[in-house]
Protein backbone atom coordinates (compact mmCIF):
# COMPACT_ATOMS: atom_id res chain seq x y z
CA UNK A 1 -34.09 23.18 34.74
CA UNK A 2 -34.43 26.96 34.96
CA UNK A 3 -36.88 29.22 33.13
CA UNK A 4 -35.87 32.90 33.23
CA UNK A 5 -38.37 35.74 32.71
CA UNK A 6 -37.49 39.44 33.00
CA UNK A 7 -40.24 41.56 34.50
CA UNK A 8 -39.36 45.13 35.43
CA UNK A 9 -35.69 44.24 35.69
CA UNK A 10 -36.26 41.42 38.20
CA UNK A 11 -35.24 37.87 37.39
CA UNK A 12 -37.81 35.21 38.25
CA UNK A 13 -36.47 31.68 38.32
CA UNK A 14 -38.62 28.60 38.69
CA UNK A 15 -36.57 25.63 39.83
CA UNK A 16 -37.60 22.05 39.29
CA UNK A 17 -36.01 20.43 42.35
CA UNK A 18 -36.09 16.89 40.97
CA UNK A 19 -35.28 17.16 37.27
CA UNK A 20 -32.08 19.17 37.63
CA UNK A 21 -30.40 16.88 40.16
CA UNK A 22 -31.60 13.68 38.47
CA UNK A 23 -30.40 14.77 35.02
CA UNK A 24 -26.96 15.70 36.36
CA UNK A 25 -26.45 12.51 38.34
CA UNK A 26 -27.61 10.36 35.41
CA UNK A 27 -25.09 12.05 33.14
CA UNK A 28 -22.28 11.34 35.53
CA UNK A 29 -23.34 7.76 36.19
CA UNK A 30 -23.87 6.94 32.51
CA UNK A 31 -20.58 8.55 31.45
CA UNK A 32 -22.13 11.21 29.24
CA UNK A 33 -18.95 13.27 29.21
CA UNK A 34 -17.25 15.17 26.47
CA UNK A 35 -13.81 13.67 27.10
CA UNK A 36 -12.63 10.11 27.34
CA UNK A 37 -9.82 8.98 29.61
CA UNK A 38 -6.54 9.72 27.90
CA UNK A 39 -3.06 8.39 28.53
CA UNK A 40 -0.19 10.75 27.73
CA UNK A 41 3.24 9.93 26.40
CA UNK A 42 4.62 10.10 29.93
CA UNK A 43 2.20 7.39 31.04
CA UNK A 44 -0.05 9.69 33.06
CA UNK A 45 -3.74 8.97 32.59
CA UNK A 46 -6.16 11.90 32.46
CA UNK A 47 -9.67 10.97 33.51
CA UNK A 48 -12.70 12.72 31.96
CA UNK A 49 -14.11 15.94 33.34
CA UNK A 50 -17.80 16.67 32.58
CA UNK A 51 -17.47 19.99 30.78
CA UNK A 52 -21.23 20.35 30.30
CA UNK A 53 -21.97 20.10 34.03
CA UNK A 54 -18.95 22.32 34.85
CA UNK A 55 -20.31 25.01 32.49
CA UNK A 56 -23.77 24.86 34.05
CA UNK A 57 -22.29 25.01 37.55
CA UNK A 58 -20.44 28.19 36.55
CA UNK A 59 -23.57 29.76 35.03
CA UNK A 60 -25.67 29.01 38.13
CA UNK A 61 -23.15 30.45 40.58
CA UNK A 62 -21.42 33.32 38.74
CA UNK A 63 -22.16 36.31 36.52
CA UNK A 64 -19.01 35.59 34.48
CA UNK A 65 -19.05 33.43 31.35
CA UNK A 66 -17.60 29.95 31.42
CA UNK A 67 -14.42 29.47 29.39
CA UNK A 68 -14.84 26.22 27.41
CA UNK A 69 -12.41 23.55 28.54
CA UNK A 70 -11.27 25.47 31.63
CA UNK A 71 -12.40 22.75 34.07
CA UNK A 72 -10.45 20.10 32.17
CA UNK A 73 -7.44 22.39 31.91
CA UNK A 74 -7.38 23.06 35.67
CA UNK A 75 -7.75 19.34 36.41
CA UNK A 76 -4.90 18.38 34.08
CA UNK A 77 -2.61 21.05 35.56
CA UNK A 78 -3.15 19.49 38.99
CA UNK A 79 -2.40 16.03 37.61
CA UNK A 80 0.72 17.34 35.83
CA UNK A 81 2.01 18.81 39.10
CA UNK A 82 1.47 15.45 40.81
CA UNK A 83 3.24 13.70 37.92
CA UNK A 84 6.24 16.00 38.25
CA UNK A 85 6.34 15.24 41.98
CA UNK A 86 6.19 11.53 41.24
CA UNK A 87 9.00 11.83 38.70
CA UNK A 88 11.29 13.56 41.22
CA UNK A 89 10.47 10.97 43.86
CA UNK A 90 11.39 8.14 41.47
CA UNK A 91 14.79 9.73 40.93
CA UNK A 92 15.49 9.64 44.66
CA UNK A 93 14.27 6.16 45.65
CA UNK A 94 15.00 2.57 44.71
CA UNK A 95 13.33 1.33 41.48
CA UNK A 96 11.33 -1.23 43.50
CA UNK A 97 9.11 1.65 44.62
CA UNK A 98 8.44 3.03 41.13
CA UNK A 99 5.39 0.85 40.55
CA UNK A 100 3.91 1.98 43.86
CA UNK A 101 4.46 5.65 42.93
CA UNK A 102 2.79 5.10 39.53
CA UNK A 103 -0.15 3.43 41.24
CA UNK A 104 -0.54 6.32 43.68
CA UNK A 105 -0.36 8.84 40.85
CA UNK A 106 -3.06 7.04 38.86
CA UNK A 107 -5.27 6.81 41.97
CA UNK A 108 -4.84 10.55 42.54
CA UNK A 109 -5.78 11.39 38.93
CA UNK A 110 -8.88 9.16 39.03
CA UNK A 111 -10.15 10.24 42.44
CA UNK A 112 -9.53 13.91 41.72
CA UNK A 113 -11.62 13.69 38.55
CA UNK A 114 -14.43 11.93 40.44
CA UNK A 115 -14.33 14.52 43.19
CA UNK A 116 -14.40 17.48 40.80
CA UNK A 117 -17.24 16.00 38.73
CA UNK A 118 -19.25 15.38 41.88
CA UNK A 119 -18.56 18.94 43.02
CA UNK A 120 -19.91 20.34 39.75
CA UNK A 121 -22.99 18.12 40.08
CA UNK A 122 -23.59 19.51 43.57
CA UNK A 123 -23.20 23.09 42.38
CA UNK A 124 -26.00 22.76 39.77
CA UNK A 125 -28.57 21.56 42.30
CA UNK A 126 -29.41 25.09 43.45
CA UNK A 127 -28.21 28.37 41.90
CA UNK A 128 -26.62 31.15 43.91
CA UNK A 129 -29.08 33.51 45.56
CA UNK A 130 -27.23 36.34 43.83
CA UNK A 131 -28.07 34.82 40.46
CA UNK A 132 -31.58 33.53 41.23
CA UNK A 133 -32.78 36.27 43.55
CA UNK A 134 -34.27 35.93 47.00
CA UNK A 135 -37.89 35.56 45.91
CA UNK A 136 -39.17 31.98 46.45
CA UNK A 137 -35.61 30.81 47.01
CA UNK A 138 -35.43 27.10 48.02
CA UNK A 139 -33.67 27.59 51.35
CA UNK A 140 -33.91 24.01 52.61
CA UNK A 141 -32.58 22.60 49.39
CA UNK A 142 -29.73 25.12 49.57
CA UNK A 143 -28.91 23.87 53.05
CA UNK A 144 -28.73 20.28 51.75
CA UNK A 145 -26.50 21.49 48.92
CA UNK A 146 -24.14 23.20 51.41
CA UNK A 147 -23.95 19.96 53.42
CA UNK A 148 -23.05 18.03 50.27
CA UNK A 149 -20.41 20.66 49.42
CA UNK A 150 -18.82 20.24 52.84
CA UNK A 151 -18.62 16.46 52.38
CA UNK A 152 -17.19 16.94 48.89
CA UNK A 153 -14.53 19.28 50.28
CA UNK A 154 -13.56 16.71 52.93
CA UNK A 155 -13.19 14.11 50.15
CA UNK A 156 -11.01 16.56 48.22
CA UNK A 157 -8.72 16.91 51.25
CA UNK A 158 -8.40 13.12 51.41
CA UNK A 159 -7.50 13.03 47.70
CA UNK A 160 -4.82 15.65 48.29
CA UNK A 161 -3.45 13.41 51.02
CA UNK A 162 -2.32 11.04 48.25
CA UNK A 163 0.31 13.62 47.33
CA UNK A 164 1.91 13.11 50.75
CA UNK A 165 1.99 9.38 50.08
CA UNK A 166 3.77 10.03 46.77
CA UNK A 167 6.33 12.24 48.51
CA UNK A 168 6.93 9.61 51.20
CA UNK A 169 7.07 6.55 48.93
CA UNK A 170 10.30 4.64 49.40
CA UNK A 171 11.53 6.70 52.39
CA UNK A 172 9.92 4.83 55.27
CA UNK A 173 12.56 2.10 55.60
CA UNK A 174 13.88 -1.08 54.03
CA UNK A 175 11.21 -3.41 52.64
CA UNK A 176 11.67 -7.09 53.35
CA UNK A 177 10.65 -7.99 49.77
CA UNK A 178 13.42 -5.81 48.31
CA UNK A 179 15.82 -8.03 46.32
CA UNK A 180 18.79 -6.54 48.21
CA UNK A 181 17.10 -6.19 51.58
CA UNK A 182 19.76 -8.22 53.40
CA UNK A 183 22.60 -6.12 51.96
CA UNK A 184 20.82 -2.89 52.86
CA UNK A 185 20.11 -4.07 56.39
CA UNK A 186 23.71 -5.14 56.91
CA UNK A 187 24.95 -1.75 55.67
CA UNK A 188 22.55 0.00 58.02
CA UNK A 189 23.70 -2.22 60.88
CA UNK A 190 27.34 -1.27 60.27
CA UNK A 191 26.49 2.43 60.38
CA UNK A 192 24.50 2.02 63.59
CA UNK A 193 27.24 0.01 65.28
CA UNK A 194 29.86 2.54 64.19
CA UNK A 195 27.67 5.34 65.57
CA UNK A 196 27.24 3.46 68.86
CA UNK A 197 30.99 2.99 69.24
CA UNK A 198 31.64 6.62 68.30
CA UNK A 199 29.27 7.90 71.04
CA UNK A 200 30.82 5.54 73.60
CA UNK A 201 34.39 6.64 72.74
CA UNK A 202 33.52 10.36 72.95
CA UNK A 203 31.73 9.91 76.27
CA UNK A 204 34.63 7.85 77.66
CA UNK A 205 37.19 10.49 76.63
CA UNK A 206 35.12 13.28 78.20
CA UNK A 207 34.58 11.30 81.38
CA UNK A 208 38.34 10.75 81.73
CA UNK A 209 39.57 14.22 80.75
CA UNK A 210 36.64 16.51 81.43
CA UNK A 211 37.05 18.12 78.02
CA UNK A 212 36.71 17.29 74.34
CA UNK A 213 40.03 18.90 73.42
CA UNK A 214 42.34 16.35 71.88
CA UNK A 215 39.68 13.62 71.44
CA UNK A 216 41.13 11.35 68.74
CA UNK A 217 37.76 10.38 67.19
CA UNK A 218 36.50 13.95 66.85
CA UNK A 219 37.19 16.52 64.18
CA UNK A 220 37.40 20.16 65.21
CA UNK A 221 34.01 21.00 63.71
CA UNK A 222 32.37 18.02 65.44
CA UNK A 223 33.85 19.02 68.79
CA UNK A 224 32.52 22.58 68.43
CA UNK A 225 29.02 21.33 67.60
CA UNK A 226 28.97 19.01 70.60
CA UNK A 227 30.21 21.79 72.89
CA UNK A 228 27.46 24.10 71.64
CA UNK A 229 24.89 21.39 72.26
CA UNK A 230 26.15 20.73 75.78
CA UNK A 231 25.93 24.46 76.56
CA UNK A 232 22.19 24.51 75.85
CA UNK A 233 19.78 24.47 78.80
CA UNK A 234 17.84 21.56 77.35
CA UNK A 235 20.90 19.27 77.27
CA UNK A 236 19.87 16.57 79.80
CA UNK A 237 23.24 15.34 81.12
CA UNK A 238 26.78 16.59 81.66
CA UNK A 239 28.26 14.41 78.92
CA UNK A 240 28.45 14.74 75.14
CA UNK A 241 25.89 12.06 74.30
CA UNK A 242 23.03 11.47 76.77
CA UNK A 243 22.19 7.94 77.92
CA UNK A 244 18.92 7.83 75.97
CA UNK A 245 20.81 8.35 72.69
CA UNK A 246 22.87 5.20 73.26
CA UNK A 247 19.85 3.29 74.53
CA UNK A 248 17.72 4.14 71.51
CA UNK A 249 20.53 3.41 69.09
CA UNK A 250 21.17 0.08 70.82
CA UNK A 251 17.49 -0.83 70.51
CA UNK A 252 17.60 -0.08 66.78
CA UNK A 253 20.70 -2.28 66.42
CA UNK A 254 18.88 -5.18 68.06
CA UNK A 255 15.87 -4.65 65.81
CA UNK A 256 17.97 -4.68 62.65
CA UNK A 257 19.82 -7.81 63.80
CA UNK A 258 16.47 -9.50 64.37
CA UNK A 259 15.31 -8.62 60.84
CA UNK A 260 18.57 -9.88 59.33
CA UNK A 261 18.19 -13.14 61.22
CA UNK A 262 14.61 -13.55 60.02
CA UNK A 263 15.38 -12.76 56.37
CA UNK A 264 18.40 -15.08 56.44
CA UNK A 265 16.22 -17.85 57.75
CA UNK A 266 13.67 -17.26 55.01
CA UNK A 267 16.35 -17.32 52.33
CA UNK A 268 17.99 -20.51 53.59
CA UNK A 269 14.92 -22.51 54.62
CA UNK A 270 11.94 -20.92 52.92
CA UNK A 271 8.26 -21.74 53.40
CA UNK A 272 5.76 -23.93 51.61
CA UNK A 273 2.02 -23.86 50.98
CA UNK A 274 -0.71 -26.41 51.58
CA UNK A 275 -4.18 -27.53 50.56
CA UNK A 276 -7.18 -26.88 52.79
CA UNK A 277 -10.87 -27.49 52.45
CA UNK A 278 -12.25 -25.04 49.86
CA UNK A 279 -8.90 -23.62 48.79
CA UNK A 280 -5.14 -23.64 49.04
CA UNK A 281 -2.27 -21.58 50.48
CA UNK A 282 0.73 -20.40 48.51
CA UNK A 283 4.06 -19.23 49.94
CA UNK A 284 4.81 -16.70 47.20
CA UNK A 285 8.55 -16.13 47.61
CA UNK A 286 8.76 -13.68 44.71
CA UNK A 287 6.06 -11.39 46.12
CA UNK A 288 7.10 -12.16 49.70
CA UNK A 289 3.48 -12.95 50.61
CA UNK A 290 1.61 -15.83 52.19
CA UNK A 291 -1.49 -16.05 50.03
CA UNK A 292 -4.77 -17.83 50.79
CA UNK A 293 -6.94 -18.67 47.75
CA UNK A 294 -10.59 -19.67 48.28
CA UNK A 295 -12.89 -21.38 45.77
CA UNK A 296 -15.81 -19.37 47.12
CA UNK A 297 -16.04 -16.06 48.92
CA UNK A 298 -15.41 -16.56 52.66
CA UNK A 299 -18.32 -15.82 55.00
CA UNK A 300 -18.48 -12.62 57.02
CA UNK A 301 -17.20 -14.48 60.10
CA UNK A 302 -14.32 -16.00 58.16
CA UNK A 303 -13.37 -12.62 56.68
CA UNK A 304 -13.37 -11.12 60.14
CA UNK A 305 -11.07 -13.88 61.37
CA UNK A 306 -8.70 -13.43 58.40
CA UNK A 307 -8.44 -9.71 59.15
CA UNK A 308 -7.92 -10.44 62.84
CA UNK A 309 -4.95 -12.61 61.92
CA UNK A 310 -3.41 -9.87 59.75
CA UNK A 311 -4.58 -11.03 56.29
CA UNK A 312 -5.93 -8.48 53.82
CA UNK A 313 -7.76 -8.93 50.56
CA UNK A 314 -5.58 -8.20 47.48
CA UNK A 315 -7.77 -7.66 44.39
CA UNK A 316 -4.81 -7.89 42.00
CA UNK A 317 -3.80 -11.30 43.33
CA UNK A 318 -7.40 -12.35 44.12
CA UNK A 319 -6.16 -13.71 47.42
CA UNK A 320 -6.07 -12.97 51.12
CA UNK A 321 -2.46 -12.32 51.96
CA UNK A 322 0.11 -10.91 54.38
CA UNK A 323 3.89 -10.60 54.40
CA UNK A 324 5.58 -13.99 54.25
CA UNK A 325 7.42 -14.66 57.49
CA UNK A 326 7.25 -16.90 60.54
CA UNK A 327 4.55 -14.72 62.07
CA UNK A 328 2.35 -15.24 58.98
CA UNK A 329 2.79 -19.02 59.28
CA UNK A 330 1.83 -18.91 62.95
CA UNK A 331 -1.19 -16.72 62.15
CA UNK A 332 -2.40 -19.11 59.46
CA UNK A 333 -1.98 -21.97 61.94
CA UNK A 334 -4.51 -20.26 64.23
CA UNK A 335 -7.20 -20.15 61.53
CA UNK A 336 -9.30 -23.31 61.79
CA UNK A 337 -10.88 -23.18 58.31
CA UNK A 338 -7.49 -23.16 56.51
CA UNK A 339 -6.17 -26.23 58.37
CA UNK A 340 -4.13 -28.51 56.04
CA UNK A 341 -6.01 -31.51 54.63
CA UNK A 342 -3.07 -33.72 55.55
CA UNK A 343 -4.00 -33.42 59.21
CA UNK A 344 -0.67 -31.87 60.13
CA UNK A 345 -0.38 -28.34 61.43
CA UNK A 346 0.77 -25.47 59.24
CA UNK A 347 4.01 -25.21 61.24
CA UNK A 348 4.76 -28.93 60.86
CA UNK A 349 4.56 -28.62 57.06
CA UNK A 350 7.32 -26.05 56.85
CA UNK A 351 10.79 -27.16 55.68
CA UNK A 352 12.55 -26.31 58.95
CA UNK A 353 10.04 -28.39 60.94
CA UNK A 354 10.44 -31.30 58.54
CA UNK A 355 14.24 -31.21 58.84
CA UNK A 356 13.93 -31.13 62.61
CA UNK A 357 11.59 -34.12 62.60
CA UNK A 358 13.90 -36.11 60.33
CA UNK A 359 16.84 -35.35 62.59
CA UNK A 360 14.87 -36.59 65.61
CA UNK A 361 13.92 -39.75 63.78
CA UNK A 362 17.56 -40.37 62.86
CA UNK A 363 18.67 -39.86 66.45
CA UNK A 364 15.99 -42.29 67.66
CA UNK A 365 17.36 -44.98 65.40
């Protein structure tokens, strides 16, 4: 708290170093805020801003009056801008990513409110020296406040990083759990193969004729662009498309073919779960996740092993999980404490392995 006395035009402020900070933190922790979280018609949730602490932070660091509701208004404007960004991103990407974008937007709104409230709480710990005056000013406490402000600013930068995640949602590639993943991969493969053949044909024509004039696979505009590129000093080789371009494109073709093969296998054969001591495993085809459910919380050593094998805790599913594929089955097979109760290995329980065993038995007969 502050007690102000005017003597000869000088402002004397006595600061109680413990009461001020304790009162502010208790208000934040106990939710003593003027606003409750509010969901708008567009589905955006506004989280509460502590107007009382924001007002006091303004008074302790500025000679200007605080405009009631201004902290909440500024916060909501930031959230609205993020919501508009999320809306535009949804229009550009597949609907399967909409839920992820909504989740990122809500996380941004919540963390931004927490960060701003904490910033106001830090600001009321010590007033500005311009407001309080230099006499008996708590310098060391001010230094601690400045350190807390720096940490709060770093947290704010991390919160703003969520906006980049919203902008990039759905643009990083084709997800294996997309309902039309196979179709998308096959379309991408056709484009890559067509591009590979195009580069080969152009290079072959140039190698034979020493010019791009009259190349049957090139349009006039394309030929001019390639000529301009070849004239640059940075162009590595004396041919339209350098070797690395074909090599990189060929590597991407092989990668896409491998993914198509894997997804085709999963669709035709599938995977199955199993029981183990203290829990069970589920091959969740719909979520495209191999999920491990435990009756009790795994020990620290077990959690470390799960993470080492690529499993992560999913609070929504209340399970340890990773993407469902052959690698996940192999990883689970390396974890001793999820070994099937049947005595068979995880790999032996899978449909493909069972079919192979039955075929061997039939051949033996």
